[in-house]
N, C-alpha and C. Protein backbone atom coordinates (compact mmCIF):
# COMPACT_ATOMS: atom_id res chain seq x y z
N UNK A 1 -138.06 160.38 -24.76
CA UNK A 1 -136.95 159.55 -24.75
C UNK A 1 -137.05 158.67 -23.64
N UNK A 2 -136.71 157.32 -23.81
CA UNK A 2 -136.83 156.45 -22.80
C UNK A 2 -135.51 156.40 -21.98
N UNK A 3 -135.47 156.20 -20.82
CA UNK A 3 -134.26 156.21 -20.18
C UNK A 3 -133.41 154.73 -20.43
N UNK A 4 -132.11 154.79 -20.27
CA UNK A 4 -131.35 153.70 -20.47
C UNK A 4 -131.54 152.69 -19.32
N UNK A 5 -131.92 151.49 -19.62
CA UNK A 5 -132.27 150.36 -18.62
C UNK A 5 -131.08 149.34 -18.68
N UNK A 6 -130.45 149.17 -17.65
CA UNK A 6 -129.50 148.03 -17.67
C UNK A 6 -130.06 146.79 -17.33
N UNK A 7 -129.91 145.80 -18.08
CA UNK A 7 -130.55 144.54 -17.87
C UNK A 7 -129.77 143.75 -16.88
N UNK A 8 -130.39 143.22 -15.75
CA UNK A 8 -129.83 142.64 -14.70
C UNK A 8 -129.35 141.14 -15.03
N UNK A 9 -129.70 140.66 -16.15
CA UNK A 9 -129.35 139.17 -16.50
C UNK A 9 -127.82 139.13 -16.51
N UNK A 10 -127.43 137.99 -16.04
CA UNK A 10 -125.89 137.74 -15.98
C UNK A 10 -125.23 137.72 -17.31
N UNK A 11 -125.94 137.45 -18.51
CA UNK A 11 -125.36 137.29 -19.72
C UNK A 11 -125.39 138.63 -20.50
N UNK A 12 -126.15 139.60 -20.20
CA UNK A 12 -126.44 140.70 -20.98
C UNK A 12 -126.34 142.01 -20.21
N UNK A 13 -125.22 142.63 -20.18
CA UNK A 13 -125.05 143.87 -19.53
C UNK A 13 -124.97 145.06 -20.44
N UNK A 14 -125.56 144.97 -21.58
CA UNK A 14 -125.61 146.09 -22.56
C UNK A 14 -127.00 146.93 -22.44
N UNK A 15 -126.81 148.25 -22.82
CA UNK A 15 -127.97 149.03 -22.73
C UNK A 15 -129.10 148.44 -23.48
N UNK A 16 -130.28 148.47 -22.93
CA UNK A 16 -131.46 147.71 -23.63
C UNK A 16 -132.29 148.67 -24.58
N UNK A 17 -132.59 149.98 -24.30
CA UNK A 17 -133.57 150.70 -25.15
C UNK A 17 -133.36 152.17 -24.99
N UNK A 18 -133.74 152.85 -26.06
CA UNK A 18 -133.73 154.25 -25.95
C UNK A 18 -132.50 154.91 -26.69
N UNK A 19 -132.42 156.27 -26.87
CA UNK A 19 -131.40 156.95 -27.37
C UNK A 19 -130.16 156.91 -26.55
N UNK A 20 -130.30 156.67 -25.18
CA UNK A 20 -129.23 156.64 -24.35
C UNK A 20 -128.40 155.44 -24.59
N UNK A 21 -128.91 154.42 -25.18
CA UNK A 21 -128.14 153.22 -25.42
C UNK A 21 -127.06 153.55 -26.60
N UNK A 22 -127.49 154.33 -27.70
CA UNK A 22 -126.57 154.59 -28.68
C UNK A 22 -125.45 155.60 -28.17
N UNK A 23 -125.81 156.43 -27.15
CA UNK A 23 -124.94 157.43 -26.57
C UNK A 23 -123.79 156.63 -25.82
N UNK A 24 -124.27 155.65 -25.01
CA UNK A 24 -123.41 154.81 -24.32
C UNK A 24 -122.46 153.95 -25.17
N UNK A 25 -123.09 153.42 -26.21
CA UNK A 25 -121.97 152.67 -27.22
C UNK A 25 -120.99 153.58 -27.76
N UNK A 26 -121.49 154.89 -28.20
CA UNK A 26 -120.50 155.70 -28.77
C UNK A 26 -119.58 156.21 -27.72
N UNK A 27 -119.93 156.46 -26.37
CA UNK A 27 -118.96 156.76 -25.28
C UNK A 27 -118.02 155.66 -25.06
N UNK A 28 -118.36 154.50 -25.05
CA UNK A 28 -117.50 153.40 -24.91
C UNK A 28 -116.43 153.16 -26.03
N UNK A 29 -116.91 153.50 -27.28
CA UNK A 29 -116.06 153.45 -28.40
C UNK A 29 -114.96 154.50 -28.24
N UNK A 30 -115.41 155.68 -28.01
CA UNK A 30 -114.59 156.84 -27.82
C UNK A 30 -113.44 156.50 -26.73
N UNK A 31 -113.94 155.97 -25.55
CA UNK A 31 -113.03 155.58 -24.52
C UNK A 31 -112.03 154.44 -24.87
N UNK A 32 -112.49 153.58 -25.61
CA UNK A 32 -111.71 152.45 -26.13
C UNK A 32 -110.68 153.07 -27.02
N UNK A 33 -110.96 154.04 -27.97
CA UNK A 33 -110.02 154.63 -28.82
C UNK A 33 -108.96 155.43 -28.03
N UNK A 34 -109.43 156.18 -27.07
CA UNK A 34 -108.43 156.97 -26.33
C UNK A 34 -107.47 156.17 -25.49
N UNK A 35 -108.06 154.98 -24.99
CA UNK A 35 -106.95 154.11 -24.31
C UNK A 35 -106.16 153.45 -25.07
N UNK A 36 -106.46 153.10 -26.37
CA UNK A 36 -105.57 152.23 -27.34
C UNK A 36 -104.76 153.19 -28.04
N UNK A 37 -104.94 154.54 -28.37
CA UNK A 37 -104.30 155.38 -29.27
C UNK A 37 -102.84 155.58 -28.82
N UNK A 38 -102.51 155.67 -27.68
CA UNK A 38 -101.10 155.96 -27.15
C UNK A 38 -100.21 154.76 -27.62
N UNK A 39 -100.75 153.52 -27.36
CA UNK A 39 -99.92 152.40 -27.80
C UNK A 39 -99.68 152.32 -29.25
N UNK A 40 -100.82 152.62 -30.14
CA UNK A 40 -100.66 152.62 -31.55
C UNK A 40 -99.66 153.64 -31.98
N UNK A 41 -99.67 154.92 -31.43
CA UNK A 41 -98.83 156.03 -31.79
C UNK A 41 -97.31 155.66 -31.54
N UNK A 42 -97.05 154.89 -30.41
CA UNK A 42 -95.77 154.62 -30.05
C UNK A 42 -95.22 153.54 -31.06
N UNK A 43 -96.08 152.55 -31.41
CA UNK A 43 -95.67 151.76 -32.41
C UNK A 43 -95.30 152.37 -33.77
N UNK A 44 -95.99 153.27 -34.10
CA UNK A 44 -95.70 153.97 -35.35
C UNK A 44 -94.38 154.71 -35.29
N UNK A 45 -94.20 155.41 -34.15
CA UNK A 45 -92.91 156.16 -33.86
C UNK A 45 -91.74 155.19 -33.99
N UNK A 46 -91.92 154.00 -33.35
CA UNK A 46 -90.92 153.04 -33.33
C UNK A 46 -90.62 152.55 -34.69
N UNK A 47 -91.61 152.34 -35.36
CA UNK A 47 -91.44 151.83 -36.75
C UNK A 47 -90.67 152.74 -37.66
N UNK A 48 -91.09 154.06 -37.47
CA UNK A 48 -90.44 155.19 -38.18
C UNK A 48 -88.94 155.28 -37.88
N UNK A 49 -88.58 155.01 -36.56
CA UNK A 49 -87.35 155.12 -36.17
C UNK A 49 -86.46 153.94 -36.78
N UNK A 50 -87.04 152.77 -36.72
CA UNK A 50 -86.47 151.61 -37.26
C UNK A 50 -86.14 151.75 -38.78
N UNK A 51 -87.15 152.21 -39.52
CA UNK A 51 -87.00 152.47 -40.99
C UNK A 51 -85.79 153.52 -41.20
N UNK A 52 -85.83 154.58 -40.30
CA UNK A 52 -84.68 155.61 -40.40
C UNK A 52 -83.46 155.08 -40.19
N UNK A 53 -83.26 154.18 -39.27
CA UNK A 53 -82.18 153.53 -38.82
C UNK A 53 -81.67 152.60 -40.08
N UNK A 54 -82.67 151.81 -40.60
CA UNK A 54 -82.17 150.98 -41.69
C UNK A 54 -81.91 151.74 -42.98
N UNK A 55 -82.70 152.77 -43.16
CA UNK A 55 -82.54 153.57 -44.40
C UNK A 55 -82.52 155.01 -44.07
N UNK A 56 -81.17 155.59 -43.86
CA UNK A 56 -81.10 156.88 -43.45
C UNK A 56 -81.66 158.03 -44.35
N UNK A 57 -82.02 157.60 -45.51
CA UNK A 57 -82.62 158.72 -46.43
C UNK A 57 -84.00 158.44 -46.71
N UNK A 58 -84.65 157.54 -45.64
CA UNK A 58 -86.05 157.04 -45.76
C UNK A 58 -86.89 158.31 -45.85
N UNK A 59 -87.87 158.49 -46.78
CA UNK A 59 -88.76 159.70 -46.97
C UNK A 59 -88.23 160.89 -47.53
N UNK A 60 -87.05 160.73 -48.15
CA UNK A 60 -86.41 161.85 -48.73
C UNK A 60 -86.36 161.87 -50.35
N UNK A 61 -87.47 161.36 -50.85
CA UNK A 61 -87.56 161.20 -52.33
C UNK A 61 -87.27 162.52 -52.93
N UNK A 62 -87.77 163.59 -52.39
CA UNK A 62 -87.58 164.96 -53.10
C UNK A 62 -86.06 165.23 -53.12
N UNK A 63 -85.51 165.10 -52.05
CA UNK A 63 -83.99 165.32 -51.91
C UNK A 63 -83.17 164.47 -52.99
N UNK A 64 -83.56 163.34 -53.05
CA UNK A 64 -82.82 162.42 -54.00
C UNK A 64 -83.09 162.89 -55.34
N UNK A 65 -84.20 163.33 -55.77
CA UNK A 65 -84.50 163.70 -57.09
C UNK A 65 -83.73 164.94 -57.46
N UNK A 66 -83.73 165.99 -56.48
CA UNK A 66 -83.13 167.37 -56.73
C UNK A 66 -81.44 166.95 -57.00
N UNK A 67 -81.04 166.10 -56.16
CA UNK A 67 -79.52 165.69 -56.25
C UNK A 67 -79.33 165.02 -57.61
N UNK A 68 -80.25 164.14 -57.96
CA UNK A 68 -80.05 163.54 -59.26
C UNK A 68 -80.03 164.49 -60.31
N UNK A 69 -80.78 165.57 -60.28
CA UNK A 69 -80.70 166.63 -61.33
C UNK A 69 -79.50 167.36 -61.32
N UNK A 70 -78.78 167.41 -60.12
CA UNK A 70 -77.54 168.01 -60.06
C UNK A 70 -76.36 167.01 -60.40
N UNK A 71 -76.72 165.78 -60.76
CA UNK A 71 -75.82 164.86 -61.17
C UNK A 71 -75.21 164.00 -60.05
N UNK A 72 -75.77 163.92 -59.06
CA UNK A 72 -75.26 163.14 -57.85
C UNK A 72 -76.21 161.98 -57.46
N UNK A 73 -75.59 160.80 -57.17
CA UNK A 73 -76.38 159.70 -56.65
C UNK A 73 -76.39 159.87 -55.15
N UNK A 74 -77.64 160.45 -54.59
CA UNK A 74 -77.49 160.84 -53.19
C UNK A 74 -77.30 159.61 -52.27
N UNK A 75 -77.92 158.49 -52.59
CA UNK A 75 -77.79 157.29 -51.77
C UNK A 75 -76.46 156.91 -51.69
N UNK A 76 -75.63 156.84 -52.66
CA UNK A 76 -74.21 156.52 -52.74
C UNK A 76 -73.35 157.65 -51.93
N UNK A 77 -73.73 158.77 -52.01
CA UNK A 77 -73.16 159.83 -51.27
C UNK A 77 -73.27 159.57 -49.73
N UNK A 78 -74.45 159.34 -49.45
CA UNK A 78 -74.75 159.26 -47.96
C UNK A 78 -74.05 157.86 -47.43
N UNK A 79 -74.08 156.90 -48.33
CA UNK A 79 -73.43 155.70 -47.89
C UNK A 79 -71.96 155.95 -47.63
N UNK A 80 -71.29 156.64 -48.54
CA UNK A 80 -69.98 157.04 -48.39
C UNK A 80 -69.66 157.93 -47.09
N UNK A 81 -70.57 158.83 -46.88
CA UNK A 81 -70.38 159.68 -45.68
C UNK A 81 -70.43 158.66 -44.55
N UNK A 82 -71.25 157.75 -44.40
CA UNK A 82 -71.24 156.82 -43.23
C UNK A 82 -70.10 155.89 -43.18
N UNK A 83 -69.33 155.67 -44.29
CA UNK A 83 -68.09 154.96 -44.28
C UNK A 83 -67.01 155.96 -43.97
N UNK A 84 -67.29 157.20 -43.61
CA UNK A 84 -66.26 158.15 -43.37
C UNK A 84 -65.34 158.65 -44.45
N UNK A 85 -65.90 158.59 -45.65
CA UNK A 85 -65.24 158.96 -46.87
C UNK A 85 -65.27 160.63 -46.93
N UNK A 86 -64.16 161.28 -46.77
CA UNK A 86 -64.03 162.78 -46.74
C UNK A 86 -64.68 163.27 -48.16
N UNK A 87 -64.31 162.52 -49.30
CA UNK A 87 -64.89 163.13 -50.59
C UNK A 87 -66.51 163.03 -50.59
N UNK A 88 -67.01 161.98 -50.07
CA UNK A 88 -68.57 161.90 -49.80
C UNK A 88 -69.05 163.03 -49.22
N UNK A 89 -68.47 163.31 -47.93
CA UNK A 89 -68.86 164.41 -47.07
C UNK A 89 -68.80 165.70 -47.95
N UNK A 90 -67.61 165.85 -48.62
CA UNK A 90 -67.49 167.10 -49.33
C UNK A 90 -68.71 167.22 -50.41
N UNK A 91 -69.05 166.11 -51.01
CA UNK A 91 -70.10 166.16 -51.99
C UNK A 91 -71.43 166.49 -51.25
N UNK A 92 -71.64 165.95 -50.05
CA UNK A 92 -72.90 166.21 -49.38
C UNK A 92 -72.89 167.85 -49.09
N UNK A 93 -71.84 168.31 -48.67
CA UNK A 93 -71.78 169.85 -48.32
C UNK A 93 -71.89 170.54 -49.66
N UNK A 94 -71.38 170.09 -50.71
CA UNK A 94 -71.58 170.89 -52.01
C UNK A 94 -73.05 170.99 -52.43
N UNK A 95 -73.80 169.77 -52.20
CA UNK A 95 -75.15 169.68 -52.48
C UNK A 95 -75.98 170.71 -51.61
N UNK A 96 -75.49 170.92 -50.38
CA UNK A 96 -76.07 171.85 -49.52
C UNK A 96 -76.28 173.21 -50.19
N UNK A 97 -75.16 173.60 -50.92
CA UNK A 97 -75.17 174.99 -51.46
C UNK A 97 -75.47 174.97 -52.88
N UNK A 98 -75.28 174.10 -53.71
CA UNK A 98 -75.37 174.16 -55.10
C UNK A 98 -76.43 173.35 -55.75
N UNK A 99 -77.14 172.25 -55.04
CA UNK A 99 -78.08 171.53 -55.67
C UNK A 99 -79.40 172.31 -56.03
N UNK A 100 -79.63 173.34 -55.31
CA UNK A 100 -80.94 174.06 -55.75
C UNK A 100 -82.22 173.38 -54.98
N UNK A 101 -81.92 172.89 -53.70
CA UNK A 101 -83.11 172.30 -52.92
C UNK A 101 -84.10 173.13 -52.74
N UNK A 102 -85.38 172.69 -52.91
CA UNK A 102 -86.59 173.53 -52.64
C UNK A 102 -86.97 173.27 -51.06
N UNK A 103 -88.04 173.72 -50.49
CA UNK A 103 -88.53 173.64 -49.25
C UNK A 103 -88.41 172.14 -48.69
N UNK A 104 -89.18 171.32 -49.37
CA UNK A 104 -89.31 169.83 -49.00
C UNK A 104 -87.88 169.27 -49.10
N UNK A 105 -87.26 169.39 -50.08
CA UNK A 105 -86.00 168.67 -50.40
C UNK A 105 -84.90 169.20 -49.46
N UNK A 106 -84.96 170.41 -49.19
CA UNK A 106 -83.96 170.98 -48.05
C UNK A 106 -84.17 170.44 -46.66
N UNK A 107 -85.51 170.20 -46.44
CA UNK A 107 -85.75 169.64 -45.05
C UNK A 107 -85.17 168.32 -44.92
N UNK A 108 -85.46 167.52 -45.95
CA UNK A 108 -84.87 166.13 -46.07
C UNK A 108 -83.36 166.08 -45.97
N UNK A 109 -82.75 167.00 -46.75
CA UNK A 109 -81.21 167.03 -46.74
C UNK A 109 -80.72 167.58 -45.32
N UNK A 110 -81.45 168.51 -44.71
CA UNK A 110 -81.02 168.74 -43.43
C UNK A 110 -81.10 167.69 -42.51
N UNK A 111 -82.08 166.84 -42.50
CA UNK A 111 -82.23 165.63 -41.62
C UNK A 111 -81.07 164.81 -41.95
N UNK A 112 -80.77 164.51 -43.14
CA UNK A 112 -79.65 163.66 -43.44
C UNK A 112 -78.27 164.17 -42.98
N UNK A 113 -78.02 165.44 -43.09
CA UNK A 113 -76.96 166.16 -42.56
C UNK A 113 -76.84 165.79 -41.00
N UNK A 114 -78.06 165.90 -40.32
CA UNK A 114 -77.92 165.48 -38.99
C UNK A 114 -77.54 164.03 -38.68
N UNK A 115 -78.15 163.13 -39.35
CA UNK A 115 -77.82 161.77 -39.16
C UNK A 115 -76.30 161.55 -39.57
N UNK A 116 -75.85 162.23 -40.49
CA UNK A 116 -74.38 162.00 -40.76
C UNK A 116 -73.61 162.42 -39.67
N UNK A 117 -73.94 163.59 -39.09
CA UNK A 117 -73.17 164.06 -38.00
C UNK A 117 -73.22 163.18 -36.77
N UNK A 118 -74.42 162.70 -36.45
CA UNK A 118 -74.66 161.82 -35.37
C UNK A 118 -73.87 160.40 -35.58
N UNK A 119 -73.90 159.90 -36.73
CA UNK A 119 -73.21 158.63 -36.98
C UNK A 119 -71.74 158.77 -37.14
N UNK A 120 -71.22 159.77 -37.66
CA UNK A 120 -69.71 159.90 -37.88
C UNK A 120 -69.07 160.56 -36.86
N UNK A 121 -69.85 161.44 -35.98
CA UNK A 121 -69.14 162.05 -34.72
C UNK A 121 -68.71 163.35 -35.10
N UNK A 122 -68.64 164.20 -34.14
CA UNK A 122 -68.38 165.57 -34.15
C UNK A 122 -66.92 165.88 -34.65
N UNK A 123 -66.05 165.00 -34.28
CA UNK A 123 -64.61 165.31 -34.59
C UNK A 123 -64.41 165.14 -36.25
N UNK A 124 -64.98 164.07 -36.69
CA UNK A 124 -64.82 163.77 -38.14
C UNK A 124 -65.64 164.76 -38.99
N UNK A 125 -66.90 165.04 -38.61
CA UNK A 125 -67.78 165.90 -39.37
C UNK A 125 -67.26 167.28 -39.29
N UNK A 126 -66.82 167.71 -38.02
CA UNK A 126 -66.25 169.04 -37.95
C UNK A 126 -64.97 169.35 -38.66
N UNK A 127 -64.20 168.28 -38.64
CA UNK A 127 -62.88 168.36 -39.43
C UNK A 127 -63.18 168.50 -40.96
N UNK A 128 -64.07 167.85 -41.42
CA UNK A 128 -64.48 167.90 -42.91
C UNK A 128 -65.18 169.36 -43.16
N UNK A 129 -66.04 169.69 -42.35
CA UNK A 129 -66.59 171.06 -42.48
C UNK A 129 -65.70 172.18 -42.42
N UNK A 130 -64.69 172.09 -41.58
CA UNK A 130 -63.65 173.12 -41.42
C UNK A 130 -62.80 173.35 -42.78
N UNK A 131 -62.82 172.21 -43.62
CA UNK A 131 -62.09 172.58 -44.77
C UNK A 131 -62.82 173.07 -45.92
N UNK A 132 -64.10 173.39 -45.67
CA UNK A 132 -64.94 173.94 -46.69
C UNK A 132 -64.97 175.55 -46.63
N UNK A 133 -65.38 176.11 -47.59
CA UNK A 133 -65.49 177.61 -47.66
C UNK A 133 -66.55 178.08 -46.57
N UNK A 134 -66.38 179.29 -46.13
CA UNK A 134 -67.25 179.82 -45.12
C UNK A 134 -68.67 179.80 -45.47
N UNK A 135 -69.15 180.13 -46.70
CA UNK A 135 -70.42 180.11 -47.13
C UNK A 135 -71.19 178.55 -47.02
N UNK A 136 -70.25 177.77 -47.35
CA UNK A 136 -70.72 176.35 -47.20
C UNK A 136 -70.97 175.95 -45.77
N UNK A 137 -69.79 176.34 -45.00
CA UNK A 137 -69.88 175.96 -43.52
C UNK A 137 -71.35 176.48 -42.84
N UNK A 138 -71.55 177.84 -43.31
CA UNK A 138 -72.63 178.48 -42.69
C UNK A 138 -74.01 177.84 -43.12
N UNK A 139 -74.12 177.35 -44.53
CA UNK A 139 -75.26 176.85 -44.97
C UNK A 139 -75.44 175.41 -44.21
N UNK A 140 -74.41 174.69 -44.13
CA UNK A 140 -74.43 173.32 -43.44
C UNK A 140 -74.82 173.52 -41.89
N UNK A 141 -74.26 174.40 -41.29
CA UNK A 141 -74.62 174.80 -39.83
C UNK A 141 -76.11 175.19 -39.62
N UNK A 142 -76.62 175.91 -40.56
CA UNK A 142 -77.99 176.46 -40.57
C UNK A 142 -78.97 175.29 -40.74
N UNK A 143 -78.63 174.30 -41.69
CA UNK A 143 -79.29 173.14 -41.85
C UNK A 143 -79.35 172.27 -40.71
N UNK A 144 -78.23 172.13 -40.16
CA UNK A 144 -78.10 171.09 -38.80
C UNK A 144 -79.02 171.84 -37.76
N UNK A 145 -78.84 173.10 -37.49
CA UNK A 145 -79.69 173.74 -36.51
C UNK A 145 -81.11 173.63 -36.77
N UNK A 146 -81.57 173.63 -37.98
CA UNK A 146 -82.88 173.45 -38.46
C UNK A 146 -83.40 172.07 -38.16
N UNK A 147 -82.59 171.09 -38.56
CA UNK A 147 -82.92 169.76 -38.26
C UNK A 147 -82.85 169.10 -37.03
N UNK A 148 -81.95 169.73 -36.13
CA UNK A 148 -81.56 169.06 -34.91
C UNK A 148 -82.16 169.91 -33.80
N UNK A 149 -82.60 171.02 -33.98
CA UNK A 149 -83.01 171.95 -32.80
C UNK A 149 -84.25 172.83 -33.13
N UNK A 150 -84.10 173.99 -32.52
CA UNK A 150 -85.19 174.85 -32.66
C UNK A 150 -84.45 176.14 -33.04
N UNK A 151 -84.67 176.68 -34.37
CA UNK A 151 -83.79 177.63 -34.91
C UNK A 151 -84.00 178.96 -34.12
N UNK A 152 -85.11 179.31 -33.56
CA UNK A 152 -85.47 180.42 -32.88
C UNK A 152 -85.26 180.41 -31.28
N UNK A 153 -84.69 179.33 -30.86
CA UNK A 153 -84.42 179.13 -29.41
C UNK A 153 -82.96 179.12 -29.11
N UNK A 154 -82.37 180.27 -28.64
CA UNK A 154 -80.96 180.48 -28.48
C UNK A 154 -80.48 179.43 -27.44
N UNK A 155 -81.29 179.10 -26.35
CA UNK A 155 -80.77 178.03 -25.36
C UNK A 155 -80.46 176.75 -25.99
N UNK A 156 -81.45 176.35 -26.91
CA UNK A 156 -81.18 175.10 -27.60
C UNK A 156 -80.06 175.08 -28.69
N UNK A 157 -79.94 176.19 -29.26
CA UNK A 157 -78.75 176.33 -30.10
C UNK A 157 -77.46 176.28 -29.32
N UNK A 158 -77.45 176.90 -28.07
CA UNK A 158 -76.29 176.84 -27.32
C UNK A 158 -75.89 175.38 -26.79
N UNK A 159 -77.01 174.47 -26.68
CA UNK A 159 -76.83 173.18 -26.28
C UNK A 159 -76.29 172.39 -27.32
N UNK A 160 -76.80 172.69 -28.54
CA UNK A 160 -76.19 172.05 -29.80
C UNK A 160 -74.75 172.30 -29.98
N UNK A 161 -74.37 173.67 -29.76
CA UNK A 161 -73.02 173.99 -29.85
C UNK A 161 -72.08 173.32 -28.86
N UNK A 162 -72.73 173.01 -27.65
CA UNK A 162 -71.77 172.34 -26.59
C UNK A 162 -71.67 170.86 -27.00
N UNK A 163 -72.87 170.38 -27.61
CA UNK A 163 -72.79 168.89 -27.87
C UNK A 163 -71.79 168.62 -28.98
N UNK A 164 -71.97 169.58 -30.08
CA UNK A 164 -71.06 169.40 -31.30
C UNK A 164 -70.17 170.61 -31.57
N UNK A 165 -69.09 170.79 -30.57
CA UNK A 165 -68.45 172.01 -30.58
C UNK A 165 -67.49 172.13 -31.80
N UNK A 166 -67.09 171.14 -32.50
CA UNK A 166 -66.10 171.31 -33.60
C UNK A 166 -67.00 171.66 -34.80
N UNK A 167 -68.31 171.20 -34.84
CA UNK A 167 -69.18 171.38 -36.10
C UNK A 167 -69.99 172.61 -35.90
N UNK A 168 -70.38 172.91 -34.73
CA UNK A 168 -71.36 174.10 -34.53
C UNK A 168 -70.76 175.20 -33.53
N UNK A 169 -69.48 174.99 -33.16
CA UNK A 169 -68.87 175.97 -32.23
C UNK A 169 -68.81 177.37 -32.52
N UNK A 170 -68.73 177.72 -33.88
CA UNK A 170 -68.62 178.98 -34.40
C UNK A 170 -69.86 179.60 -34.93
N UNK A 171 -71.07 178.85 -34.65
CA UNK A 171 -72.28 179.47 -35.16
C UNK A 171 -72.59 180.72 -34.39
N UNK A 172 -72.94 181.83 -35.10
CA UNK A 172 -73.14 183.15 -34.42
C UNK A 172 -74.50 183.05 -33.59
């Protein structure tokens, strides 16, 4: 194998010969990717946040389909929740227990519950939740803890309870 020879000419600073040249090009390409990757990732995260803000049920196609099978227009219900319509919030809570969400659709629904809580506030959401049966409250609270925190982390759950005392204050 011939060693890499750097050409001293002012116009050409590329490796000139041997397998070492290919290695250097590969190393430069990897370095370039590593330097640019964090910027690309943050743009993707920002894009997802913008989409989620513009469309609060973005990526919840499974959830929408299950709700439709239960006879509910999910998008209209979520829009009603954001307008602070107690009937829409009641329907959202009803779906939590009765829609028959599977794993994927229940994750999407839990995320939407978290968005509704954050947008409408703890006082309104907690007041609506308090009017529901105990099994509904428990199901909604479990979904919120799943979506907003770490269900196996008691410290995190305690922080959520303190942040949303009317909604999550009585979680065991």
